[in-house]
Amino acid sequence: MSGRPRARGKALVATMAGAVLAAVLICAPQAAAAPDLNCGPIPIAVAQSEWQDNVIGIRSYAMRVKSEVYPCGGYVRAVHYVSLDASRLPLGTTVRIFVGTRRSDGKWYGGTTTMSSSQNISARGYVQVRGLGGGLRLTHVRLGHFAESGQAVITPGDGSTARYVPWNGPEAKPGNR
C-alpha cells in the first residue's frame, strides 16, 4: 500500500531525536556534540520505502523509512526518518528495527534498535556516516522490523528496501528525475 489514509497526527553523529547510527545503532543524548564532517546543506540523494504491514500478537502495525544523503568530503551522512504507525498496538509495545544502507559495491552497513508504540504515528531520526572512496555511492536504504523475543507473533519479520534517486531540489520539476 503506497499511502496510509488513516495517518494522524561508535557514535559519530547525533540527531534531533537523539539516536545515532554508525557501526551499530546506539542511542545518545540529543545534546551530544556532532563532529564537523564538513557536510553540505543540500541532500544529493533521497529514498522512501513503501509502508510495510506486520503483526505482533493479533494486532497490526506498519513502518516505513525516508532517507536523505548529504555529501561530506570522502564520506556521506545518511539521515533516516523511521515512521511507525502503531495505532492498533497496545501502548508501549516494542518493535525491533534494523536500518542500513547499501553501497554500490554491494556491502550493507547498519544497526538495530527498538521503537515503542505510542498513539497514532510516531517517527525517529537516525544518522549514519559511511565512507565512499573509490567512486562508490549509496544505492539503497533498508528498514527491517520484527517482534522482540518473547512476543507472540504469527508472521515473520518484515522489511522494505528503497533505491536512492538524485535530489533535484525543491524547485525541480517532477519530470526531471
Protein backbone atom coordinates (compact mmCIF):
# COMPACT_ATOMS: atom_id res chain seq x y z
CA MET A 1 0.00 0.00 0.00
CA SER A 2 1.54 3.31 -1.03
CA GLY A 3 -0.18 5.64 1.42
CA ARG A 4 -1.61 5.50 4.88
CA PRO A 5 -5.10 7.02 4.56
CA ARG A 6 -5.70 6.93 8.31
CA ALA A 7 -2.47 8.78 9.16
CA ARG A 8 -2.79 11.24 12.05
CA GLY A 9 -1.43 13.44 13.92
CA LYS A 10 31.00 4.15 17.97
CA ALA A 11 28.89 7.05 17.86
CA LEU A 12 29.62 9.54 15.13
CA VAL A 13 26.69 11.90 14.76
CA ALA A 14 23.68 12.75 16.95
CA THR A 15 20.27 13.68 15.54
CA MET A 16 17.32 15.68 16.73
CA ALA A 17 15.69 12.50 18.03
CA GLY A 18 18.79 11.60 19.98
CA ALA A 19 19.67 8.40 18.11
CA VAL A 20 22.87 7.59 16.29
CA LEU A 21 23.63 5.08 13.56
CA ALA A 22 27.24 4.21 12.85
CA ALA A 23 28.96 0.86 13.35
CA VAL A 24 25.91 -0.12 15.37
CA LEU A 25 22.71 1.72 16.11
CA ILE A 26 23.01 3.33 19.52
CA CYS A 27 21.15 5.98 21.45
CA ALA A 28 22.89 9.09 22.67
CA PRO A 29 21.71 12.28 24.35
CA GLN A 30 20.36 14.91 21.99
CA ALA A 31 22.94 17.37 23.26
CA ALA A 32 25.87 15.17 22.18
CA ALA A 33 28.28 17.18 20.07
CA ALA A 34 28.46 16.09 16.45
CA PRO A 35 31.89 16.13 14.84
CA ASP A 36 32.45 18.57 12.00
CA LEU A 37 32.23 16.41 8.89
CA ASN A 38 32.03 19.45 6.56
CA CYS A 39 28.73 18.19 5.18
CA GLY A 40 26.81 20.06 2.53
CA PRO A 41 23.43 21.57 3.49
CA ILE A 42 21.55 20.13 0.50
CA PRO A 43 20.93 16.39 0.01
CA ILE A 44 22.37 14.71 -3.07
CA ALA A 45 20.02 11.70 -2.99
CA VAL A 46 16.75 10.65 -1.35
CA ALA A 47 14.82 7.40 -0.89
CA GLN A 48 11.48 6.46 0.65
CA SER A 49 10.13 2.95 1.15
CA GLU A 50 6.51 1.91 0.95
CA TRP A 51 4.56 1.26 4.15
CA GLN A 52 5.09 -2.36 5.24
CA ASP A 53 2.48 -4.02 7.44
CA ASN A 54 3.21 -6.67 10.04
CA VAL A 55 1.58 -8.22 13.12
CA ILE A 56 2.59 -8.64 16.75
CA GLY A 57 0.22 -10.95 18.63
CA ILE A 58 -3.06 -10.29 16.87
CA ARG A 59 -2.53 -6.55 16.25
CA SER A 60 -1.09 -4.96 13.14
CA TYR A 61 1.36 -2.11 12.69
CA ALA A 62 3.13 -0.52 9.72
CA MET A 63 6.55 1.04 9.18
CA ARG A 64 8.48 2.92 6.51
CA VAL A 65 11.76 4.81 6.14
CA LYS A 66 12.63 8.04 4.37
CA SER A 67 16.34 8.76 3.88
CA GLU A 68 18.36 11.76 2.71
CA VAL A 69 22.07 11.63 1.77
CA TYR A 70 24.37 14.63 2.30
CA PRO A 71 27.94 14.93 0.92
CA CYS A 72 30.76 15.26 3.48
CA GLY A 73 34.02 15.12 1.56
CA GLY A 74 35.05 11.44 1.38
CA TYR A 75 32.03 10.50 3.49
CA VAL A 76 28.28 10.83 3.25
CA ARG A 77 25.79 11.44 6.03
CA ALA A 78 22.56 9.48 5.57
CA VAL A 79 19.69 10.80 7.68
CA HIS A 80 16.99 8.14 8.13
CA TYR A 81 13.48 9.01 9.35
CA VAL A 82 11.67 5.87 10.54
CA SER A 83 7.88 6.12 10.88
CA LEU A 84 5.85 3.67 12.96
CA ASP A 85 2.05 3.51 12.68
CA ALA A 86 1.25 1.63 15.87
CA SER A 87 -2.27 2.95 16.38
CA ARG A 88 -3.58 -0.64 16.63
CA LEU A 89 -0.89 -1.90 19.06
CA PRO A 90 -1.16 -1.65 22.84
CA LEU A 91 0.66 1.41 24.14
CA GLY A 92 4.36 0.71 24.77
CA THR A 93 4.66 -2.37 22.53
CA THR A 94 8.28 -2.69 21.38
CA VAL A 95 9.26 -3.26 17.75
CA ARG A 96 12.89 -4.10 16.91
CA ILE A 97 14.20 -2.39 13.78
CA PHE A 98 17.25 -2.56 11.52
CA VAL A 99 18.21 0.49 9.46
CA GLY A 100 21.05 0.28 6.97
CA THR A 101 22.41 1.38 3.63
CA ARG A 102 23.92 -0.47 0.69
CA ARG A 103 26.89 0.88 -1.23
CA SER A 104 27.44 0.33 -4.94
CA ASP A 105 29.94 -2.45 -4.06
CA GLY A 106 27.02 -4.43 -2.54
CA LYS A 107 28.04 -4.04 1.12
CA TRP A 108 25.24 -3.36 3.61
CA TYR A 109 26.02 -1.44 6.79
CA GLY A 110 23.64 -0.51 9.58
CA GLY A 111 22.43 -1.37 13.02
CA THR A 112 19.46 -2.33 15.17
CA THR A 113 17.48 -0.59 17.87
CA THR A 114 13.89 -0.58 19.13
CA MET A 115 10.90 1.73 18.84
CA SER A 116 7.94 1.68 21.23
CA SER A 117 4.39 2.24 20.12
CA SER A 118 2.58 5.40 21.04
CA GLN A 119 -0.74 6.72 19.88
CA ASN A 120 -1.08 7.24 16.14
CA ILE A 121 2.09 7.61 14.03
CA SER A 122 5.48 8.31 15.59
CA ALA A 123 8.85 8.92 13.96
CA ARG A 124 12.50 8.83 14.98
CA GLY A 125 15.55 10.09 13.17
CA TYR A 126 18.86 8.27 12.84
CA VAL A 127 22.12 9.39 11.26
CA GLN A 128 24.57 7.07 9.54
CA VAL A 129 28.02 8.08 8.32
CA ARG A 130 29.69 5.98 5.61
CA GLY A 131 32.91 6.28 3.67
CA LEU A 132 32.55 6.39 -0.10
CA GLY A 133 36.07 6.30 -1.50
CA GLY A 134 36.92 4.94 -4.94
CA GLY A 135 33.83 6.29 -6.68
CA LEU A 136 31.37 4.34 -4.51
CA ARG A 137 27.86 5.66 -3.82
CA LEU A 138 24.88 4.67 -1.71
CA THR A 139 22.31 2.75 -3.73
CA HIS A 140 19.65 1.53 -1.26
CA VAL A 141 18.25 2.04 2.24
CA ARG A 142 16.63 -0.84 4.12
CA LEU A 143 14.28 -0.91 7.07
CA GLY A 144 13.74 -4.28 8.70
CA HIS A 145 11.28 -4.72 11.55
CA PHE A 146 10.34 -7.64 13.73
CA ALA A 147 8.95 -8.53 17.15
CA GLU A 148 11.12 -8.66 20.26
CA SER A 149 11.89 -12.09 21.69
CA GLY A 150 9.07 -13.33 23.89
CA GLN A 151 6.36 -11.50 21.93
CA ALA A 152 3.69 -13.67 20.33
CA VAL A 153 3.92 -13.45 16.55
CA ILE A 154 2.10 -15.16 13.72
CA THR A 155 4.15 -13.59 10.92
CA PRO A 156 7.91 -13.44 10.41
CA GLY A 157 9.82 -10.17 10.45
CA ASP A 158 9.29 -7.88 7.51
CA GLY A 159 11.07 -5.03 5.85
CA SER A 160 11.35 -2.83 2.85
CA THR A 161 14.13 -1.55 0.63
CA ALA A 162 14.12 1.69 -1.35
CA ARG A 163 16.51 2.86 -4.05
CA TYR A 164 18.18 6.25 -3.75
CA VAL A 165 17.42 8.73 -6.53
CA PRO A 166 19.20 12.04 -7.16
CA TRP A 167 17.76 15.01 -5.28
CA ASN A 168 16.94 17.75 -7.76
CA GLY A 169 15.93 20.31 -5.15
CA PRO A 170 12.56 21.79 -4.23
CA GLU A 171 12.45 23.85 -7.43
CA ALA A 172 12.85 20.79 -9.68
CA LYS A 173 10.03 19.76 -11.97
CA PRO A 174 8.65 16.23 -11.41
CA GLY A 175 9.82 15.20 -14.91
CA ASN A 176 13.49 15.98 -14.13
CA ARG A 177 14.19 12.80 -12.15
